[in-house]
Amino acid sequence: MSGGPSSPVGVIAGSGVLPFAVARSLCEQGRGAFILGIRGHCDPALIEQFPHCWISLGQLGRATKLARAEGCKQLLFIGGLIRPALSEIRLDLKTLRVLPRVLAAFRGGDDHLLTGIARIIEAEGFQLIGVAEAAPDLLMPEGNIASRAPDDAARRDIARGLEALCAMAPFDVGQAVVVIDGNVTALEDIEGTDALLARVAGLRERRRIRTARGRGVLVKAPKVTQDLRFDLPTLGPRTVEGVVAAGLAGIATTRGRSLVAEADKVIAAADAAGIFVTGLPA
């Protein structure tokens, strides 16, 4: 099944600017976008730019009904979403009918949850797609996108970070790690990358990290077994700010398997701070 130019993509939107960057890209391609904004997560100010409706977590029936009414054959999940407790989900009749499958999806990490929900939606006749198919212009390219390039020490830290992320993959934890002079200094947890970098900055302030500023790397990459339609590692201007505050030399993430939000702002901020932002071979 595929959506043609007359078939908009239904963008199920969480928090942040990425859902709207994807929607803009789809519109520029002539495909069109219909945003299903998740209440409490999606930005009310930004959603007004596009055809949209609001849904609550657990309203599977409402979401699929609205998407069908707009002629959507493809759906895409994008944006931040705090994993809800089951008690916080507003179940509609459709969701109640598939409740055993919803409960099964919750019995695991985030990847397991997203893949389980995707199977339920696909059973309704929709095709779930990822950003790579919907908006490839938002994917990280290979090589350096800012002026500075990683030096030999940074490249060694990048290799160490990739090893650490590969080792973490079976546990379905985070997608980012900070490595300084070969030492795995901090791992991403449920709080996300911004909190990871704030933690590193705090360690430096308390002199638990004593290396000179301008050393070390934030490495981001998807989990080895991750469904690349969902939850790709993302960097944006706030990531650059966090890296600078943490005293690191730069950011490394995987080509074609990571997203760059507001790339022009990322490049400008990186150049102003003198850090590198590099895309690694997939």
Foldseek 3Di string as FASTA:
>chain_A
DDQDLLAAEEEAEFADCVSVVLQVLLVVVSNHYEYAYEPPGYDPVSNVVHHYDYDYAQPLVVSVVVSVVSRHQEYAYDYDDQDDDPVRGDHDPLSVVVVVLQVVQVPAAPLSVVVSVQVVNVVVRHHYAACCVRPVVFWDAAWWPADDDDDPQAVLLQVLFVVVLQVCQVRNAFFKFKGFSSRGDFDHGSVDDLVRLVVLLVCVVVVVDPDAFQTIEIEGEDRPPGDLSDDFAEDELSNLVSSVSSRYQEYEYAGSRYGYDPSVNNRVSCNVSNHIYGHDYD
